[in-house]
Amino acid sequence: MRIGELAAKSGVSVRALRYYEERGMLVPERSAGGHRHYSERGVELVWLIQQFYSAGLSSKSILTILPCVETGETSPEALAVLVAERERIDRQLAELATARKKLDTVIENASSASCAADHCPD
């Protein structure tokens, strides 16, 4: 498929796809005329790159671990990145859970105060 079709199927801009290509995260085949051609696997790969970005991984980290995703094999450097990113995400999840719990408390207190003011039935 051409780059525009990959952009449409993956929901990512052509500009972002070109950036991924420049960084070496996405490698298309090239036609004799120099046109980019992507396999159907490209859509899944773009989604994975997007997920990694959403999780806070840098393009450098993504570039390091993508070969592991493709082959299932890893180097010591890639394994260190994988472990460090997993630990960072675990810390982030714990912080988010704490923030959610605090919001729940605030919501519960606000709801109780609102009901008390409005004389809500128990």
PDB file of N, CA and C in Angstrom:
ATOM      1  N   MET A   1       0.846  -1.167   0.000  1.00  0.00           N
ATOM      2  CA  MET A   1       0.000   0.000   0.000  1.00  0.00           C
ATOM      3  C   MET A   1       0.893   1.232   0.000  1.00  0.00           C
ATOM      4  N   ARG A   2       0.367   2.312  -0.487  1.00  0.00           N
ATOM      5  CA  ARG A   2       1.114   3.567  -0.540  1.00  0.00           C
ATOM      6  C   ARG A   2       0.976   4.288   0.795  1.00  0.00           C
ATOM      7  N   ILE A   3       1.768   5.327   0.982  1.00  0.00           N
ATOM      8  CA  ILE A   3       1.835   6.028   2.265  1.00  0.00           C
ATOM      9  C   ILE A   3       0.491   6.651   2.656  1.00  0.00           C
ATOM     10  N   GLY A   4      -0.241   7.182   1.686  1.00  0.00           N
ATOM     11  CA  GLY A   4      -1.541   7.780   1.988  1.00  0.00           C
ATOM     12  C   GLY A   4      -2.533   6.750   2.493  1.00  0.00           C
ATOM     13  N   GLU A   5      -2.492   5.571   1.918  1.00  0.00           N
ATOM     14  CA  GLU A   5      -3.380   4.493   2.351  1.00  0.00           C
ATOM     15  C   GLU A   5      -3.007   4.023   3.764  1.00  0.00           C
ATOM     16  N   LEU A   6      -1.705   3.921   4.036  1.00  0.00           N
ATOM     17  CA  LEU A   6      -1.266   3.546   5.377  1.00  0.00           C
ATOM     18  C   LEU A   6      -1.701   4.605   6.387  1.00  0.00           C
ATOM     19  N   ALA A   7      -1.584   5.860   6.010  1.00  0.00           N
ATOM     20  CA  ALA A   7      -2.020   6.940   6.897  1.00  0.00           C
ATOM     21  C   ALA A   7      -3.508   6.809   7.206  1.00  0.00           C
ATOM     22  N   ALA A   8      -4.299   6.555   6.184  1.00  0.00           N
ATOM     23  CA  ALA A   8      -5.748   6.428   6.376  1.00  0.00           C
ATOM     24  C   ALA A   8      -6.088   5.209   7.234  1.00  0.00           C
ATOM     25  N   LYS A   9      -5.457   4.088   6.975  1.00  0.00           N
ATOM     26  CA  LYS A   9      -5.760   2.862   7.720  1.00  0.00           C
ATOM     27  C   LYS A   9      -5.289   2.920   9.170  1.00  0.00           C
ATOM     28  N   SER A  10      -4.193   3.621   9.402  1.00  0.00           N
ATOM     29  CA  SER A  10      -3.632   3.654  10.758  1.00  0.00           C
ATOM     30  C   SER A  10      -4.099   4.863  11.560  1.00  0.00           C
ATOM     31  N   GLY A  11      -4.699   5.850  10.879  1.00  0.00           N
ATOM     32  CA  GLY A  11      -5.156   7.051  11.572  1.00  0.00           C
ATOM     33  C   GLY A  11      -4.028   7.992  11.948  1.00  0.00           C
ATOM     34  N   VAL A  12      -2.912   7.882  11.255  1.00  0.00           N
ATOM     35  CA  VAL A  12      -1.729   8.695  11.524  1.00  0.00           C
ATOM     36  C   VAL A  12      -1.443   9.534  10.277  1.00  0.00           C
ATOM     37  N   SER A  13      -0.962  10.733  10.474  1.00  0.00           N
ATOM     38  CA  SER A  13      -0.696  11.605   9.336  1.00  0.00           C
ATOM     39  C   SER A  13       0.477  11.098   8.488  1.00  0.00           C
ATOM     40  N   VAL A  14       0.463  11.485   7.227  1.00  0.00           N
ATOM     41  CA  VAL A  14       1.568  11.152   6.330  1.00  0.00           C
ATOM     42  C   VAL A  14       2.865  11.728   6.890  1.00  0.00           C
ATOM     43  N   ARG A  15       2.775  12.923   7.437  1.00  0.00           N
ATOM     44  CA  ARG A  15       3.956  13.564   8.016  1.00  0.00           C
ATOM     45  C   ARG A  15       4.549  12.696   9.130  1.00  0.00           C
ATOM     46  N   ALA A  16       3.676  12.149  10.010  1.00  0.00           N
ATOM     47  CA  ALA A  16       4.156  11.287  11.094  1.00  0.00           C
ATOM     48  C   ALA A  16       4.809  10.029  10.524  1.00  0.00           C
ATOM     49  N   LEU A  17       4.218   9.458   9.489  1.00  0.00           N
ATOM     50  CA  LEU A  17       4.799   8.259   8.873  1.00  0.00           C
ATOM     51  C   LEU A  17       6.175   8.560   8.293  1.00  0.00           C
ATOM     52  N   ARG A  18       6.304   9.710   7.687  1.00  0.00           N
ATOM     53  CA  ARG A  18       7.619  10.091   7.139  1.00  0.00           C
ATOM     54  C   ARG A  18       8.623  10.286   8.275  1.00  0.00           C
ATOM     55  N   TYR A  19       8.165  10.826   9.390  1.00  0.00           N
ATOM     56  CA  TYR A  19       9.042  10.978  10.556  1.00  0.00           C
ATOM     57  C   TYR A  19       9.490   9.597  11.050  1.00  0.00           C
ATOM     58  N   TYR A  20       8.556   8.671  11.173  1.00  0.00           N
ATOM     59  CA  TYR A  20       8.906   7.316  11.609  1.00  0.00           C
ATOM     60  C   TYR A  20       9.936   6.706  10.657  1.00  0.00           C
ATOM     61  N   GLU A  21       9.746   6.975   9.377  1.00  0.00           N
ATOM     62  CA  GLU A  21      10.691   6.459   8.386  1.00  0.00           C
ATOM     63  C   GLU A  21      12.067   7.114   8.566  1.00  0.00           C
ATOM     64  N   GLU A  22      12.096   8.417   8.753  1.00  0.00           N
ATOM     65  CA  GLU A  22      13.370   9.124   8.953  1.00  0.00           C
ATOM     66  C   GLU A  22      14.117   8.594  10.169  1.00  0.00           C
ATOM     67  N   ARG A  23      13.372   8.248  11.222  1.00  0.00           N
ATOM     68  CA  ARG A  23      13.979   7.738  12.451  1.00  0.00           C
ATOM     69  C   ARG A  23      14.354   6.259  12.347  1.00  0.00           C
ATOM     70  N   GLY A  24      13.934   5.585  11.275  1.00  0.00           N
ATOM     71  CA  GLY A  24      14.256   4.177  11.091  1.00  0.00           C
ATOM     72  C   GLY A  24      13.278   3.223  11.741  1.00  0.00           C
ATOM     73  N   MET A  25      12.155   3.744  12.245  1.00  0.00           N
ATOM     74  CA  MET A  25      11.166   2.884  12.905  1.00  0.00           C
ATOM     75  C   MET A  25      10.242   2.194  11.907  1.00  0.00           C
ATOM     76  N   LEU A  26      10.095   2.776  10.749  1.00  0.00           N
ATOM     77  CA  LEU A  26       9.211   2.258   9.709  1.00  0.00           C
ATOM     78  C   LEU A  26      10.002   2.236   8.409  1.00  0.00           C
ATOM     79  N   VAL A  27      10.151   1.058   7.848  1.00  0.00           N
ATOM     80  CA  VAL A  27      10.981   0.928   6.649  1.00  0.00           C
ATOM     81  C   VAL A  27      10.134   0.377   5.506  1.00  0.00           C
ATOM     82  N   PRO A  28       9.767   1.241   4.567  1.00  0.00           N
ATOM     83  CA  PRO A  28       8.978   0.772   3.434  1.00  0.00           C
ATOM     84  C   PRO A  28       9.871   0.190   2.344  1.00  0.00           C
ATOM     85  N   GLU A  29       9.236  -0.571   1.484  1.00  0.00           N
ATOM     86  CA  GLU A  29       9.925  -0.965   0.266  1.00  0.00           C
ATOM     87  C   GLU A  29       9.777   0.195  -0.699  1.00  0.00           C
ATOM     88  N   ARG A  30      10.663   0.289  -1.663  1.00  0.00           N
ATOM     89  CA  ARG A  30      10.592   1.367  -2.643  1.00  0.00           C
ATOM     90  C   ARG A  30      10.404   0.768  -4.034  1.00  0.00           C
ATOM     91  N   SER A  31       9.530   1.410  -4.813  1.00  0.00           N
ATOM     92  CA  SER A  31       9.325   0.990  -6.194  1.00  0.00           C
ATOM     93  C   SER A  31      10.479   1.528  -7.037  1.00  0.00           C
ATOM     94  N   ALA A  32      10.538   1.107  -8.281  1.00  0.00           N
ATOM     95  CA  ALA A  32      11.567   1.599  -9.193  1.00  0.00           C
ATOM     96  C   ALA A  32      11.492   3.116  -9.318  1.00  0.00           C
ATOM     97  N   GLY A  33      10.294   3.665  -9.190  1.00  0.00           N
ATOM     98  CA  GLY A  33      10.098   5.109  -9.274  1.00  0.00           C
ATOM     99  C   GLY A  33      10.331   5.824  -7.953  1.00  0.00           C
ATOM    100  N   GLY A  34      10.698   5.090  -6.898  1.00  0.00           N
ATOM    101  CA  GLY A  34      10.989   5.693  -5.611  1.00  0.00           C
ATOM    102  C   GLY A  34       9.787   5.839  -4.690  1.00  0.00           C
ATOM    103  N   HIS A  35       8.636   5.307  -5.116  1.00  0.00           N
ATOM    104  CA  HIS A  35       7.435   5.404  -4.279  1.00  0.00           C
ATOM    105  C   HIS A  35       7.514   4.411  -3.122  1.00  0.00           C
ATOM    106  N   ARG A  36       7.028   4.859  -1.959  1.00  0.00           N
ATOM    107  CA  ARG A  36       6.998   3.998  -0.779  1.00  0.00           C
ATOM    108  C   ARG A  36       5.871   2.979  -0.919  1.00  0.00           C
ATOM    109  N   HIS A  37       6.146   1.760  -0.502  1.00  0.00           N
ATOM    110  CA  HIS A  37       5.127   0.713  -0.456  1.00  0.00           C
ATOM    111  C   HIS A  37       5.255   0.002   0.879  1.00  0.00           C
ATOM    112  N   TYR A  38       4.117  -0.130   1.561  1.00  0.00           N
ATOM    113  CA  TYR A  38       4.079  -0.739   2.880  1.00  0.00           C
ATOM    114  C   TYR A  38       3.245  -1.998   2.843  1.00  0.00           C
ATOM    115  N   SER A  39       3.619  -2.967   3.664  1.00  0.00           N
ATOM    116  CA  SER A  39       2.838  -4.195   3.773  1.00  0.00           C
ATOM    117  C   SER A  39       1.671  -3.945   4.714  1.00  0.00           C
ATOM    118  N   GLU A  40       0.756  -4.891   4.758  1.00  0.00           N
ATOM    119  CA  GLU A  40      -0.374  -4.790   5.689  1.00  0.00           C
ATOM    120  C   GLU A  40       0.127  -4.755   7.132  1.00  0.00           C
ATOM    121  N   ARG A  41       1.251  -5.359   7.398  1.00  0.00           N
ATOM    122  CA  ARG A  41       1.858  -5.349   8.737  1.00  0.00           C
ATOM    123  C   ARG A  41       2.196  -3.924   9.169  1.00  0.00           C
ATOM    124  N   GLY A  42       2.366  -3.025   8.208  1.00  0.00           N
ATOM    125  CA  GLY A  42       2.681  -1.635   8.517  1.00  0.00           C
ATOM    126  C   GLY A  42       1.650  -0.978   9.406  1.00  0.00           C
ATOM    127  N   VAL A  43       0.383  -1.315   9.222  1.00  0.00           N
ATOM    128  CA  VAL A  43      -0.681  -0.730  10.046  1.00  0.00           C
ATOM    129  C   VAL A  43      -0.473  -1.125  11.507  1.00  0.00           C
ATOM    130  N   GLU A  44      -0.239  -2.399  11.757  1.00  0.00           N
ATOM    131  CA  GLU A  44      -0.011  -2.873  13.126  1.00  0.00           C
ATOM    132  C   GLU A  44       1.235  -2.229  13.726  1.00  0.00           C
ATOM    133  N   LEU A  45       2.268  -2.093  12.924  1.00  0.00           N
ATOM    134  CA  LEU A  45       3.508  -1.501  13.397  1.00  0.00           C
ATOM    135  C   LEU A  45       3.302  -0.034  13.775  1.00  0.00           C
ATOM    136  N   VAL A  46       2.567   0.703  12.966  1.00  0.00           N
ATOM    137  CA  VAL A  46       2.280   2.109  13.262  1.00  0.00           C
ATOM    138  C   VAL A  46       1.465   2.209  14.547  1.00  0.00           C
ATOM    139  N   TRP A  47       0.476   1.341  14.722  1.00  0.00           N
ATOM    140  CA  TRP A  47      -0.318   1.344  15.956  1.00  0.00           C
ATOM    141  C   TRP A  47       0.576   1.083  17.169  1.00  0.00           C
ATOM    142  N   LEU A  48       1.509   0.141  17.032  1.00  0.00           N
ATOM    143  CA  LEU A  48       2.420  -0.175  18.127  1.00  0.00           C
ATOM    144  C   LEU A  48       3.305   1.032  18.452  1.00  0.00           C
ATOM    145  N   ILE A  49       3.828   1.672  17.427  1.00  0.00           N
ATOM    146  CA  ILE A  49       4.643   2.874  17.630  1.00  0.00           C
ATOM    147  C   ILE A  49       3.819   3.930  18.366  1.00  0.00           C
ATOM    148  N   GLN A  50       2.577   4.110  17.963  1.00  0.00           N
ATOM    149  CA  GLN A  50       1.699   5.076  18.619  1.00  0.00           C
ATOM    150  C   GLN A  50       1.465   4.704  20.086  1.00  0.00           C
ATOM    151  N   GLN A  51       1.261   3.423  20.356  1.00  0.00           N
ATOM    152  CA  GLN A  51       1.066   2.973  21.738  1.00  0.00           C
ATOM    153  C   GLN A  51       2.308   3.257  22.579  1.00  0.00           C
ATOM    154  N   PHE A  52       3.472   2.983  22.017  1.00  0.00           N
ATOM    155  CA  PHE A  52       4.711   3.244  22.743  1.00  0.00           C
ATOM    156  C   PHE A  52       4.869   4.742  23.015  1.00  0.00           C
ATOM    157  N   TYR A  53       4.571   5.570  22.022  1.00  0.00           N
ATOM    158  CA  TYR A  53       4.636   7.015  22.244  1.00  0.00           C
ATOM    159  C   TYR A  53       3.648   7.439  23.335  1.00  0.00           C
ATOM    160  N   SER A  54       2.440   6.901  23.276  1.00  0.00           N
ATOM    161  CA  SER A  54       1.427   7.238  24.286  1.00  0.00           C
ATOM    162  C   SER A  54       1.861   6.831  25.688  1.00  0.00           C
ATOM    163  N   ALA A  55       2.639   5.767  25.764  1.00  0.00           N
ATOM    164  CA  ALA A  55       3.137   5.296  27.061  1.00  0.00           C
ATOM    165  C   ALA A  55       4.359   6.087  27.522  1.00  0.00           C
ATOM    166  N   GLY A  56       4.809   7.029  26.694  1.00  0.00           N
ATOM    167  CA  GLY A  56       5.917   7.889  27.096  1.00  0.00           C
ATOM    168  C   GLY A  56       7.287   7.463  26.624  1.00  0.00           C
ATOM    169  N   LEU A  57       7.364   6.452  25.757  1.00  0.00           N
ATOM    170  CA  LEU A  57       8.662   6.035  25.255  1.00  0.00           C
ATOM    171  C   LEU A  57       9.181   7.054  24.243  1.00  0.00           C
ATOM    172  N   SER A  58      10.478   7.246  24.220  1.00  0.00           N
ATOM    173  CA  SER A  58      11.107   8.138  23.241  1.00  0.00           C
ATOM    174  C   SER A  58      11.288   7.395  21.922  1.00  0.00           C
ATOM    175  N   SER A  59      11.507   8.154  20.865  1.00  0.00           N
ATOM    176  CA  SER A  59      11.738   7.506  19.567  1.00  0.00           C
ATOM    177  C   SER A  59      13.002   6.653  19.622  1.00  0.00           C
ATOM    178  N   LYS A  60      13.995   7.085  20.391  1.00  0.00           N
ATOM    179  CA  LYS A  60      15.229   6.296  20.531  1.00  0.00           C
ATOM    180  C   LYS A  60      14.937   4.946  21.184  1.00  0.00           C
ATOM    181  N   SER A  61      14.128   4.951  22.244  1.00  0.00           N
ATOM    182  CA  SER A  61      13.762   3.692  22.910  1.00  0.00           C
ATOM    183  C   SER A  61      12.947   2.803  21.984  1.00  0.00           C
ATOM    184  N   ILE A  62      12.007   3.418  21.282  1.00  0.00           N
ATOM    185  CA  ILE A  62      11.171   2.645  20.354  1.00  0.00           C
ATOM    186  C   ILE A  62      12.037   1.995  19.289  1.00  0.00           C
ATOM    187  N   LEU A  63      12.962   2.757  18.738  1.00  0.00           N
ATOM    188  CA  LEU A  63      13.849   2.232  17.703  1.00  0.00           C
ATOM    189  C   LEU A  63      14.680   1.066  18.237  1.00  0.00           C
ATOM    190  N   THR A  64      15.073   1.149  19.495  1.00  0.00           N
ATOM    191  CA  THR A  64      15.874   0.082  20.101  1.00  0.00           C
ATOM    192  C   THR A  64      15.070  -1.197  20.285  1.00  0.00           C
ATOM    193  N   ILE A  65      13.795  -1.071  20.659  1.00  0.00           N
ATOM    194  CA  ILE A  65      13.032  -2.283  20.985  1.00  0.00           C
ATOM    195  C   ILE A  65      12.211  -2.852  19.829  1.00  0.00           C
ATOM    196  N   LEU A  66      11.984  -2.077  18.769  1.00  0.00           N
ATOM    197  CA  LEU A  66      11.178  -2.605  17.652  1.00  0.00           C
ATOM    198  C   LEU A  66      11.745  -3.897  17.058  1.00  0.00           C
ATOM    199  N   PRO A  67      13.052  -4.021  16.883  1.00  0.00           N
ATOM    200  CA  PRO A  67      13.549  -5.309  16.362  1.00  0.00           C
ATOM    201  C   PRO A  67      13.193  -6.488  17.262  1.00  0.00           C
ATOM    202  N   CYS A  68      13.126  -6.246  18.575  1.00  0.00           N
ATOM    203  CA  CYS A  68      12.741  -7.313  19.509  1.00  0.00           C
ATOM    204  C   CYS A  68      11.305  -7.748  19.263  1.00  0.00           C
ATOM    205  N   VAL A  69      10.459  -6.782  18.955  1.00  0.00           N
ATOM    206  CA  VAL A  69       9.055  -7.073  18.676  1.00  0.00           C
ATOM    207  C   VAL A  69       8.957  -7.914  17.406  1.00  0.00           C
ATOM    208  N   GLU A  70       9.728  -7.548  16.409  1.00  0.00           N
ATOM    209  CA  GLU A  70       9.674  -8.235  15.117  1.00  0.00           C
ATOM    210  C   GLU A  70      10.232  -9.650  15.183  1.00  0.00           C
ATOM    211  N   THR A  71      11.366  -9.833  15.884  1.00  0.00           N
ATOM    212  CA  THR A  71      12.047 -11.132  15.874  1.00  0.00           C
ATOM    213  C   THR A  71      11.795 -11.976  17.113  1.00  0.00           C
ATOM    214  N   GLY A  72      11.391 -11.326  18.218  1.00  0.00           N
ATOM    215  CA  GLY A  72      11.248 -12.048  19.472  1.00  0.00           C
ATOM    216  C   GLY A  72      12.573 -12.244  20.184  1.00  0.00           C
ATOM    217  N   GLU A  73      13.643 -11.750  19.593  1.00  0.00           N
ATOM    218  CA  GLU A  73      14.972 -11.848  20.190  1.00  0.00           C
ATOM    219  C   GLU A  73      15.402 -10.473  20.666  1.00  0.00           C
ATOM    220  N   THR A  74      16.328 -10.465  21.622  1.00  0.00           N
ATOM    221  CA  THR A  74      16.766  -9.187  22.171  1.00  0.00           C
ATOM    222  C   THR A  74      18.262  -9.182  22.437  1.00  0.00           C
ATOM    223  N   SER A  75      18.818  -8.003  22.420  1.00  0.00           N
ATOM    224  CA  SER A  75      20.217  -7.808  22.784  1.00  0.00           C
ATOM    225  C   SER A  75      20.258  -7.342  24.238  1.00  0.00           C
ATOM    226  N   PRO A  76      21.424  -7.392  24.867  1.00  0.00           N
ATOM    227  CA  PRO A  76      21.508  -6.874  26.241  1.00  0.00           C
ATOM    228  C   PRO A  76      21.093  -5.401  26.324  1.00  0.00           C
ATOM    229  N   GLU A  77      21.463  -4.597  25.340  1.00  0.00           N
ATOM    230  CA  GLU A  77      21.082  -3.183  25.337  1.00  0.00           C
ATOM    231  C   GLU A  77      19.560  -3.033  25.249  1.00  0.00           C
ATOM    232  N   ALA A  78      18.951  -3.777  24.330  1.00  0.00           N
ATOM    233  CA  ALA A  78      17.497  -3.692  24.155  1.00  0.00           C
ATOM    234  C   ALA A  78      16.775  -4.204  25.402  1.00  0.00           C
ATOM    235  N   LEU A  79      17.277  -5.259  26.000  1.00  0.00           N
ATOM    236  CA  LEU A  79      16.659  -5.790  27.216  1.00  0.00           C
ATOM    237  C   LEU A  79      16.705  -4.758  28.340  1.00  0.00           C
ATOM    238  N   ALA A  80      17.813  -4.061  28.467  1.00  0.00           N
ATOM    239  CA  ALA A  80      17.925  -3.012  29.488  1.00  0.00           C
ATOM    240  C   ALA A  80      16.900  -1.905  29.244  1.00  0.00           C
ATOM    241  N   VAL A  81      16.692  -1.538  27.985  1.00  0.00           N
ATOM    242  CA  VAL A  81      15.694  -0.514  27.646  1.00  0.00           C
ATOM    243  C   VAL A  81      14.294  -1.027  27.956  1.00  0.00           C
ATOM    244  N   LEU A  82      14.017  -2.269  27.578  1.00  0.00           N
ATOM    245  CA  LEU A  82      12.707  -2.858  27.848  1.00  0.00           C
ATOM    246  C   LEU A  82      12.404  -2.860  29.343  1.00  0.00           C
ATOM    247  N   VAL A  83      13.345  -3.297  30.139  1.00  0.00           N
ATOM    248  CA  VAL A  83      13.143  -3.371  31.589  1.00  0.00           C
ATOM    249  C   VAL A  83      12.976  -1.973  32.178  1.00  0.00           C
ATOM    250  N   ALA A  84      13.811  -1.031  31.753  1.00  0.00           N
ATOM    251  CA  ALA A  84      13.720   0.334  32.284  1.00  0.00           C
ATOM    252  C   ALA A  84      12.386   0.977  31.923  1.00  0.00           C
ATOM    253  N   GLU A  85      11.928   0.784  30.700  1.00  0.00           N
ATOM    254  CA  GLU A  85      10.648   1.362  30.281  1.00  0.00           C
ATOM    255  C   GLU A  85       9.488   0.717  31.030  1.00  0.00           C
ATOM    256  N   ARG A  86       9.565  -0.585  31.234  1.00  0.00           N
ATOM    257  CA  ARG A  86       8.510  -1.281  31.982  1.00  0.00           C
ATOM    258  C   ARG A  86       8.444  -0.761  33.408  1.00  0.00           C
ATOM    259  N   GLU A  87       9.598  -0.581  34.041  1.00  0.00           N
ATOM    260  CA  GLU A  87       9.633  -0.054  35.404  1.00  0.00           C
ATOM    261  C   GLU A  87       9.093   1.377  35.452  1.00  0.00           C
ATOM    262  N   ARG A  88       9.429   2.185  34.459  1.00  0.00           N
ATOM    263  CA  ARG A  88       8.931   3.559  34.405  1.00  0.00           C
ATOM    264  C   ARG A  88       7.419   3.567  34.257  1.00  0.00           C
ATOM    265  N   ILE A  89       6.893   2.700  33.405  1.00  0.00           N
ATOM    266  CA  ILE A  89       5.444   2.612  33.208  1.00  0.00           C
ATOM    267  C   ILE A  89       4.763   2.125  34.488  1.00  0.00           C
ATOM    268  N   ASP A  90       5.373   1.155  35.174  1.00  0.00           N
ATOM    269  CA  ASP A  90       4.810   0.684  36.445  1.00  0.00           C
ATOM    270  C   ASP A  90       4.728   1.821  37.458  1.00  0.00           C
ATOM    271  N   ARG A  91       5.787   2.647  37.540  1.00  0.00           N
ATOM    272  CA  ARG A  91       5.758   3.795  38.455  1.00  0.00           C
ATOM    273  C   ARG A  91       4.655   4.768  38.052  1.00  0.00           C
ATOM    274  N   GLN A  92       4.540   4.987  36.755  1.00  0.00           N
ATOM    275  CA  GLN A  92       3.516   5.908  36.245  1.00  0.00           C
ATOM    276  C   GLN A  92       2.110   5.383  36.564  1.00  0.00           C
ATOM    277  N   LEU A  93       1.896   4.088  36.407  1.00  0.00           N
ATOM    278  CA  LEU A  93       0.597   3.493  36.736  1.00  0.00           C
ATOM    279  C   LEU A  93       0.276   3.649  38.222  1.00  0.00           C
ATOM    280  N   ALA A  94       1.265   3.452  39.069  1.00  0.00           N
ATOM    281  CA  ALA A  94       1.055   3.614  40.508  1.00  0.00           C
ATOM    282  C   ALA A  94       0.688   5.062  40.832  1.00  0.00           C
ATOM    283  N   GLU A  95       1.380   6.008  40.209  1.00  0.00           N
ATOM    284  CA  GLU A  95       1.070   7.428  40.426  1.00  0.00           C
ATOM    285  C   GLU A  95      -0.332   7.763  39.931  1.00  0.00           C
ATOM    286  N   LEU A  96      -0.721   7.202  38.796  1.00  0.00           N
ATOM    287  CA  LEU A  96      -2.072   7.432  38.277  1.00  0.00           C
ATOM    288  C   LEU A  96      -3.130   6.836  39.202  1.00  0.00           C
ATOM    289  N   ALA A  97      -2.864   5.655  39.738  1.00  0.00           N
ATOM    290  CA  ALA A  97      -3.817   5.028  40.661  1.00  0.00           C
ATOM    291  C   ALA A  97      -3.979   5.879  41.918  1.00  0.00           C
ATOM    292  N   THR A  98      -2.886   6.444  42.408  1.00  0.00           N
ATOM    293  CA  THR A  98      -2.957   7.325  43.578  1.00  0.00           C
ATOM    294  C   THR A  98      -3.777   8.570  43.261  1.00  0.00           C
ATOM    295  N   ALA A  99      -3.544   9.142  42.097  1.00  0.00           N
ATOM    296  CA  ALA A  99      -4.302  10.337  41.695  1.00  0.00           C
ATOM    297  C   ALA A  99      -5.786  10.004  41.539  1.00  0.00           C
ATOM    298  N   ARG A 100      -6.097   8.844  40.951  1.00  0.00           N
ATOM    299  CA  ARG A 100      -7.491   8.437  40.791  1.00  0.00           C
ATOM    300  C   ARG A 100      -8.164   8.254  42.151  1.00  0.00           C
ATOM    301  N   LYS A 101      -7.446   7.649  43.073  1.00  0.00           N
ATOM    302  CA  LYS A 101      -7.992   7.435  44.413  1.00  0.00           C
ATOM    303  C   LYS A 101      -8.282   8.770  45.089  1.00  0.00           C
ATOM    304  N   LYS A 102      -7.395   9.734  44.935  1.00  0.00           N
ATOM    305  CA  LYS A 102      -7.613  11.062  45.509  1.00  0.00           C
ATOM    306  C   LYS A 102      -8.835  11.713  44.866  1.00  0.00           C
ATOM    307  N   LEU A 103      -8.964  11.595  43.549  1.00  0.00           N
ATOM    308  CA  LEU A 103     -10.142  12.141  42.860  1.00  0.00           C
ATOM    309  C   LEU A 103     -11.421  11.470  43.354  1.00  0.00           C
ATOM    310  N   ASP A 104     -11.382  10.163  43.556  1.00  0.00           N
ATOM    311  CA  ASP A 104     -12.555   9.455  44.080  1.00  0.00           C
ATOM    312  C   ASP A 104     -12.972  10.013  45.430  1.00  0.00           C
ATOM    313  N   THR A 105     -11.984  10.297  46.279  1.00  0.00           N
ATOM    314  CA  THR A 105     -12.273  10.857  47.598  1.00  0.00           C
ATOM    315  C   THR A 105     -12.904  12.238  47.474  1.00  0.00           C
ATOM    316  N   VAL A 106     -12.339  13.055  46.601  1.00  0.00           N
ATOM    317  CA  VAL A 106     -12.877  14.403  46.398  1.00  0.00           C
ATOM    318  C   VAL A 106     -14.297  14.324  45.841  1.00  0.00           C
ATOM    319  N   ILE A 107     -14.521  13.441  44.883  1.00  0.00           N
ATOM    320  CA  ILE A 107     -15.859  13.278  44.293  1.00  0.00           C
ATOM    321  C   ILE A 107     -16.850  12.812  45.353  1.00  0.00           C
ATOM    322  N   GLU A 108     -16.433  11.827  46.142  1.00  0.00           N
ATOM    323  CA  GLU A 108     -17.323  11.311  47.197  1.00  0.00           C
ATOM    324  C   GLU A 108     -17.664  12.411  48.200  1.00  0.00           C
ATOM    325  N   ASN A 109     -16.662  13.176  48.617  1.00  0.00           N
ATOM    326  CA  ASN A 109     -16.902  14.269  49.568  1.00  0.00           C
ATOM    327  C   ASN A 109     -17.794  15.343  48.951  1.00  0.00           C
ATOM    328  N   ALA A 110     -17.561  15.664  47.699  1.00  0.00           N
ATOM    329  CA  ALA A 110     -18.369  16.684  47.029  1.00  0.00           C
ATOM    330  C   ALA A 110     -19.801  16.205  46.860  1.00  0.00           C
ATOM    331  N   SER A 111     -19.973  14.921  46.524  1.00  0.00           N
ATOM    332  CA  SER A 111     -21.319  14.367  46.367  1.00  0.00           C
ATOM    333  C   SER A 111     -22.062  14.369  47.691  1.00  0.00           C
ATOM    334  N   SER A 112     -21.364  14.002  48.751  1.00  0.00           N
ATOM    335  CA  SER A 112     -21.988  13.989  50.079  1.00  0.00           C
ATOM    336  C   SER A 112     -22.383  15.393  50.499  1.00  0.00           C
ATOM    337  N   ALA A 113     -21.511  16.357  50.265  1.00  0.00           N
ATOM    338  CA  ALA A 113     -21.793  17.740  50.624  1.00  0.00           C
ATOM    339  C   ALA A 113     -22.957  18.275  49.800  1.00  0.00           C
ATOM    340  N   SER A 114     -22.998  17.902  48.525  1.00  0.00           N
ATOM    341  CA  SER A 114     -24.074  18.351  47.646  1.00  0.00           C
ATOM    342  C   SER A 114     -25.397  17.767  48.092  1.00  0.00           C
ATOM    343  N   CYS A 115     -25.411  16.493  48.441  1.00  0.00           N
ATOM    344  CA  CYS A 115     -26.639  15.854  48.904  1.00  0.00           C
ATOM    345  C   CYS A 115     -27.098  16.448  50.232  1.00  0.00           C
ATOM    346  N   ALA A 116     -26.141  16.751  51.115  1.00  0.00           N
ATOM    347  CA  ALA A 116     -26.501  17.344  52.402  1.00  0.00           C
ATOM    348  C   ALA A 116     -27.165  18.696  52.191  1.00  0.00           C
ATOM    349  N   ALA A 117     -26.652  19.459  51.244  1.00  0.00           N
ATOM    350  CA  ALA A 117     -27.223  20.789  50.953  1.00  0.00           C
ATOM    351  C   ALA A 117     -28.593  20.662  50.291  1.00  0.00           C
ATOM    352  N   ASP A 118     -28.751  19.616  49.459  1.00  0.00           N
ATOM    353  CA  ASP A 118     -30.008  19.427  48.728  1.00  0.00           C
ATOM    354  C   ASP A 118     -30.979  18.527  49.481  1.00  0.00           C
ATOM    355  N   HIS A 119     -30.574  18.030  50.651  1.00  0.00           N
ATOM    356  CA  HIS A 119     -31.387  17.115  51.455  1.00  0.00           C
ATOM    357  C   HIS A 119     -31.728  15.836  50.692  1.00  0.00           C
ATOM    358  N   CYS A 120     -30.698  15.224  50.088  1.00  0.00           N
ATOM    359  CA  CYS A 120     -30.902  13.976  49.334  1.00  0.00           C
ATOM    360  C   CYS A 120     -31.300  12.861  50.299  1.00  0.00           C
ATOM    361  N   PRO A 121     -32.171  11.965  49.844  1.00  0.00           N
ATOM    362  CA  PRO A 121     -32.545  10.826  50.704  1.00  0.00           C
ATOM    363  C   PRO A 121     -31.383   9.840  50.784  1.00  0.00           C
ATOM    364  N   ASP A 122     -31.315   9.119  51.876  1.00  0.00           N
ATOM    365  CA  ASP A 122     -30.254   8.123  52.056  1.00  0.00           C
ATOM    366  C   ASP A 122     -30.552   6.893  51.305  1.00  0.00           C
TER     367      ASP A 122
END
